[in-house]
Amino acid sequence: MAKANWLKVDPSQGSGNASVKVSSIAEHTGRKARTTTLTWTAANVTDIVRTVAQSGKPEYITMTNSASADKEGKTVTINGKSNSAKLTFALGSGDLDLNLPQNYSVNSVVTANGAAIAGDPGATSEYEFFIPIIVPANPNIDEKTRQLVVRNEAGQTAVCTIRSAAGDAYVTVQEGTIELDYLGTAVSWSVESNTSWTIS
């Protein structure tokens, strides 16, 4: 049986006494350990087989730490990497009004928020995930923000701060002439605005 392609042996052949270095060609990003075998062969000698086991990477999660939308709003796609069996997304602190999607994507497979990921790809290697967030238009003159928090099965979290750019300032005053009677009785006149204003 041939060794796995992730294993490196140096030297792979020799004569007499030697020290053989065994390593992996890259980091193992899956949670679960992986194994393979090495087989020593020589003329007139029974093959000798040894098992090689490489431990899995501890469960982890990373995510884009910020995303921005202009004042008109747009859909921003937040991405990250993990090797967890499931991910759970939630909205954190902030004043930006967002709706949390029910699904996200792992390796192009749609996955329900908080559900086990089909096929558990993180058992053998890290995967990339994507979640689209619709950021509404911002009519206010101040920037608004909201945290998107993702938690893996081990309880670790990553946070992305979503920002919505400040909207334009506006003042709208009811049309027409303000007419007062001879007594000067107060009349109401409507003003709509998203900023401070004064009358002079």
Protein backbone atom coordinates (compact mmCIF):
# COMPACT_ATOMS: atom_id res chain seq x y z
CA MET A 1 0.00 0.00 0.00
CA ALA A 2 1.44 3.36 -1.02
CA LYS A 3 1.84 6.18 1.46
CA ALA A 4 -0.65 9.09 1.36
CA ASN A 5 0.31 12.02 -0.86
CA TRP A 6 0.35 14.36 2.16
CA LEU A 7 3.31 12.53 3.69
CA LYS A 8 6.95 13.35 3.01
CA VAL A 9 9.81 10.90 3.65
CA ASP A 10 13.47 11.94 3.44
CA PRO A 11 15.35 9.95 2.31
CA SER A 12 12.94 7.55 0.66
CA GLN A 13 15.67 4.98 0.06
CA GLY A 14 19.08 4.18 1.40
CA SER A 15 21.61 1.53 2.39
CA GLY A 16 22.82 0.53 5.82
CA ASN A 17 22.02 2.50 8.96
CA ALA A 18 20.12 5.73 8.42
CA SER A 19 17.73 8.19 10.02
CA VAL A 20 14.54 8.83 8.06
CA LYS A 21 12.64 12.09 8.53
CA VAL A 22 8.87 11.74 8.23
CA SER A 23 6.71 14.89 7.91
CA SER A 24 3.59 16.19 6.21
CA ILE A 25 3.94 18.45 3.18
CA ALA A 26 1.46 20.95 4.68
CA GLU A 27 -0.56 21.69 7.79
CA HIS A 28 -3.50 19.33 8.35
CA THR A 29 -6.50 21.67 8.70
CA GLY A 30 -9.16 19.03 9.41
CA ARG A 31 -10.38 18.36 12.96
CA LYS A 32 -9.94 14.61 12.79
CA ALA A 33 -6.60 12.80 12.75
CA ARG A 34 -5.51 11.21 9.48
CA THR A 35 -3.42 8.10 9.05
CA THR A 36 -1.42 6.33 6.39
CA THR A 37 1.23 3.63 6.31
CA LEU A 38 4.87 3.43 5.32
CA THR A 39 6.21 0.17 3.95
CA TRP A 40 9.90 -0.69 4.00
CA THR A 41 10.87 -3.27 1.36
CA ALA A 42 14.17 -4.98 0.64
CA ALA A 43 15.27 -8.04 -1.30
CA ASN A 44 14.85 -11.28 0.63
CA VAL A 45 13.23 -9.47 3.60
CA THR A 46 9.57 -9.48 4.67
CA ASP A 47 7.96 -6.07 4.17
CA ILE A 48 7.80 -3.94 7.31
CA VAL A 49 4.73 -1.68 7.68
CA ARG A 50 4.45 1.22 10.09
CA THR A 51 1.42 3.43 10.66
CA VAL A 52 1.82 7.21 10.54
CA ALA A 53 -0.84 9.32 12.29
CA GLN A 54 -1.13 13.09 12.05
CA SER A 55 -3.33 14.79 14.62
CA GLY A 56 -6.14 17.10 13.54
CA LYS A 57 -6.07 20.86 13.88
CA PRO A 58 -8.02 22.13 16.89
CA GLU A 59 -11.45 23.47 15.98
CA TYR A 60 -11.29 27.11 14.93
CA ILE A 61 -13.16 29.87 13.14
CA THR A 62 -12.11 33.10 11.40
CA MET A 63 -14.27 35.68 9.64
CA THR A 64 -13.88 38.97 7.80
CA ASN A 65 -13.77 41.54 10.60
CA SER A 66 -15.64 44.34 8.80
CA ALA A 67 -17.90 45.07 5.84
CA SER A 68 -19.38 48.33 4.57
CA ALA A 69 -22.37 49.48 2.56
CA ASP A 70 -22.97 52.90 1.07
CA LYS A 71 -25.91 55.06 2.16
CA GLU A 72 -28.16 53.55 -0.54
CA GLY A 73 -27.69 50.10 1.02
CA LYS A 74 -26.61 46.85 -0.63
CA THR A 75 -26.03 43.16 -0.02
CA VAL A 76 -22.64 42.46 1.54
CA THR A 77 -21.22 38.94 1.58
CA ILE A 78 -19.27 38.03 4.70
CA ASN A 79 -16.82 35.16 4.42
CA GLY A 80 -14.61 33.15 6.72
CA LYS A 81 -12.94 29.81 7.32
CA SER A 82 -13.51 27.02 9.81
CA ASN A 83 -13.22 23.29 10.35
CA SER A 84 -16.24 22.99 12.66
CA ALA A 85 -19.11 20.56 12.09
CA LYS A 86 -21.64 23.40 12.36
CA LEU A 87 -21.80 27.18 12.58
CA THR A 88 -24.38 29.41 14.24
CA PHE A 89 -24.79 33.06 13.24
CA ALA A 90 -26.41 35.78 15.39
CA LEU A 91 -26.70 39.56 15.36
CA GLY A 92 -24.69 41.32 18.05
CA SER A 93 -24.64 44.88 19.33
CA GLY A 94 -25.30 47.92 17.18
CA ASP A 95 -28.01 50.23 15.87
CA LEU A 96 -28.17 49.04 12.24
CA ASP A 97 -31.46 47.24 11.58
CA LEU A 98 -30.58 43.93 9.86
CA ASN A 99 -32.38 40.66 9.20
CA LEU A 100 -30.30 37.55 9.82
CA PRO A 101 -30.45 35.10 6.88
CA GLN A 102 -31.68 31.60 7.61
CA ASN A 103 -28.94 30.03 5.45
CA TYR A 104 -25.30 30.40 4.55
CA SER A 105 -23.03 28.53 2.10
CA VAL A 106 -20.18 26.09 2.74
CA ASN A 107 -18.25 25.00 -0.36
CA SER A 108 -21.26 26.15 -2.48
CA VAL A 109 -23.67 24.00 -0.43
CA VAL A 110 -26.56 25.90 1.20
CA THR A 111 -26.62 25.18 4.94
CA ALA A 112 -29.21 26.17 7.54
CA ASN A 113 -27.99 28.47 10.30
CA GLY A 114 -27.08 26.34 13.33
CA ALA A 115 -27.49 22.98 11.53
CA ALA A 116 -24.80 20.35 10.99
CA ILE A 117 -22.95 20.91 7.71
CA ALA A 118 -23.70 18.16 5.18
CA GLY A 119 -20.79 15.75 4.82
CA ASP A 120 -18.84 17.43 7.66
CA PRO A 121 -16.09 18.84 5.39
CA GLY A 122 -14.23 20.26 8.40
CA ALA A 123 -13.38 16.76 9.59
CA THR A 124 -10.78 16.43 6.83
CA SER A 125 -9.83 20.02 5.94
CA GLU A 126 -10.79 23.63 6.51
CA TYR A 127 -13.60 25.08 4.42
CA GLU A 128 -14.71 28.57 3.43
CA PHE A 129 -18.16 29.86 4.30
CA PHE A 130 -20.20 32.78 2.95
CA ILE A 131 -23.26 34.56 4.34
CA PRO A 132 -25.07 37.37 2.47
CA ILE A 133 -26.41 40.25 4.58
CA ILE A 134 -28.85 42.80 3.12
CA VAL A 135 -27.92 46.24 4.44
CA PRO A 136 -30.84 48.69 4.06
CA ALA A 137 -30.47 52.30 2.94
CA ASN A 138 -29.46 54.66 5.74
CA PRO A 139 -31.64 57.81 5.86
CA ASN A 140 -29.80 59.10 8.96
CA ILE A 141 -26.85 61.49 8.94
CA ASP A 142 -24.87 59.19 11.23
CA GLU A 143 -23.14 55.96 10.31
CA LYS A 144 -24.88 52.87 11.69
CA THR A 145 -23.19 49.60 12.67
CA ARG A 146 -24.14 46.09 13.72
CA GLN A 147 -22.09 43.08 14.71
CA LEU A 148 -22.48 39.70 13.02
CA VAL A 149 -21.30 36.97 15.40
CA VAL A 150 -20.56 33.40 14.32
CA ARG A 151 -20.03 30.61 16.86
CA ASN A 152 -18.57 27.20 16.10
CA GLU A 153 -19.45 23.92 17.79
CA ALA A 154 -16.58 24.34 20.29
CA GLY A 155 -18.05 27.68 21.42
CA GLN A 156 -15.42 29.90 19.80
CA THR A 157 -16.68 33.08 18.14
CA ALA A 158 -15.64 35.49 15.42
CA VAL A 159 -17.18 38.94 14.90
CA CYS A 160 -17.69 41.07 11.79
CA THR A 161 -18.78 44.71 12.17
CA ILE A 162 -21.14 45.76 9.39
CA ARG A 163 -21.23 49.49 8.66
CA SER A 164 -23.81 51.55 6.78
CA ALA A 165 -22.55 54.91 5.55
CA ALA A 166 -24.30 58.05 6.74
CA GLY A 167 -27.18 59.31 4.61
CA ASP A 168 -27.60 62.86 3.29
CA ALA A 169 -28.99 65.56 5.55
CA TYR A 170 -32.42 66.89 4.57
CA VAL A 171 -35.09 69.34 5.76
CA THR A 172 -38.58 69.42 4.25
CA VAL A 173 -41.09 72.09 5.30
CA GLN A 174 -44.82 71.97 4.59
CA GLU A 175 -45.74 73.94 1.44
CA GLY A 176 -47.85 77.11 1.45
CA THR A 177 -48.11 80.39 3.31
CA ILE A 178 -48.38 80.30 7.06
CA GLU A 179 -51.51 82.37 7.75
CA LEU A 180 -52.29 83.70 11.21
CA ASP A 181 -55.59 85.23 12.29
CA TYR A 182 -55.72 88.73 13.78
CA LEU A 183 -55.41 87.29 17.30
CA GLY A 184 -52.12 85.56 16.43
CA THR A 185 -53.47 82.11 17.31
CA ALA A 186 -50.77 79.49 16.88
CA VAL A 187 -50.95 77.19 13.89
CA SER A 188 -48.90 74.03 13.40
CA TRP A 189 -46.58 73.67 10.43
CA SER A 190 -44.89 70.37 9.71
CA VAL A 191 -41.16 69.87 9.34
CA GLU A 192 -39.49 66.61 8.36
CA SER A 193 -35.75 66.31 8.85
CA ASN A 194 -32.93 63.98 9.82
CA THR A 195 -30.66 66.74 11.11
CA SER A 196 -30.70 69.76 13.42
CA TRP A 197 -32.27 72.93 12.09
CA THR A 198 -33.04 76.49 13.21
CA ILE A 199 -35.55 79.15 12.18
CA SER A 200 -34.50 82.77 11.91
